[in-house]
Amino acid sequence: MKGPRKAALILKELNLPREAYLVICGEELVTEDALLPDDADVEIRPVISGG
């Protein structure tokens, strides 16, 4: 994806609900308003809860 883009916009463009996925850039969990450059290494992971 061409950037920079906010993490929330990336999830929206992938049709993924924000509350169900985490955005990780490099080794750091980022917030929805984080601005990610187009050359960033971004990982999208589902939120898993349990006990």
Protein backbone atom coordinates (compact mmCIF):
# COMPACT_ATOMS: atom_id res chain seq x y z
CA MET A 1 0.00 0.00 0.00
CA LYS A 2 1.16 3.47 -0.74
CA GLY A 3 1.68 5.51 2.38
CA PRO A 4 1.84 7.10 4.72
CA ARG A 5 -1.42 5.71 6.11
CA LYS A 6 -3.00 5.55 9.53
CA ALA A 7 -3.33 2.07 11.00
CA ALA A 8 -7.15 2.43 11.18
CA LEU A 9 -7.29 3.21 7.44
CA ILE A 10 -5.26 0.10 6.60
CA LEU A 11 -7.75 -2.07 8.51
CA LYS A 12 -10.68 -0.31 6.83
CA GLU A 13 -9.21 -0.85 3.35
CA LEU A 14 -8.79 -4.55 4.18
CA ASN A 15 -12.41 -4.70 5.43
CA LEU A 16 -11.25 -5.76 8.89
CA PRO A 17 -13.06 -4.51 12.01
CA ARG A 18 -10.72 -2.35 14.13
CA GLU A 19 -11.83 -3.93 17.39
CA ALA A 20 -10.97 -7.45 16.17
CA TYR A 21 -7.40 -6.88 14.90
CA LEU A 22 -4.06 -5.57 16.17
CA VAL A 23 -1.64 -3.65 13.99
CA ILE A 24 2.04 -4.27 14.65
CA CYS A 25 4.78 -2.21 13.01
CA GLY A 26 8.21 -3.79 13.33
CA GLU A 27 8.22 -5.02 16.93
CA GLU A 28 5.71 -2.50 18.31
CA LEU A 29 1.95 -2.60 18.73
CA VAL A 30 0.60 0.64 17.26
CA THR A 31 -2.56 2.62 17.92
CA GLU A 32 -5.25 3.28 15.31
CA ASP A 33 -4.04 6.84 14.77
CA ALA A 34 -0.40 5.86 14.20
CA LEU A 35 0.89 7.11 10.84
CA LEU A 36 2.75 4.30 9.07
CA PRO A 37 5.12 4.96 6.14
CA ASP A 38 4.67 2.93 2.96
CA ASP A 39 7.94 1.07 3.56
CA ALA A 40 6.95 -0.05 7.08
CA ASP A 41 6.93 -3.75 7.95
CA VAL A 42 3.31 -4.11 9.15
CA GLU A 43 1.68 -7.21 10.59
CA ILE A 44 -2.06 -7.61 11.21
CA ARG A 45 -3.06 -10.12 13.89
CA PRO A 46 -6.51 -11.11 15.12
CA VAL A 47 -7.33 -10.38 18.73
CA ILE A 48 -7.68 -13.63 20.65
CA SER A 49 -9.14 -13.77 24.12
CA GLY A 50 -9.51 -16.67 26.44
CA GLY A 51 -8.98 -17.85 29.89
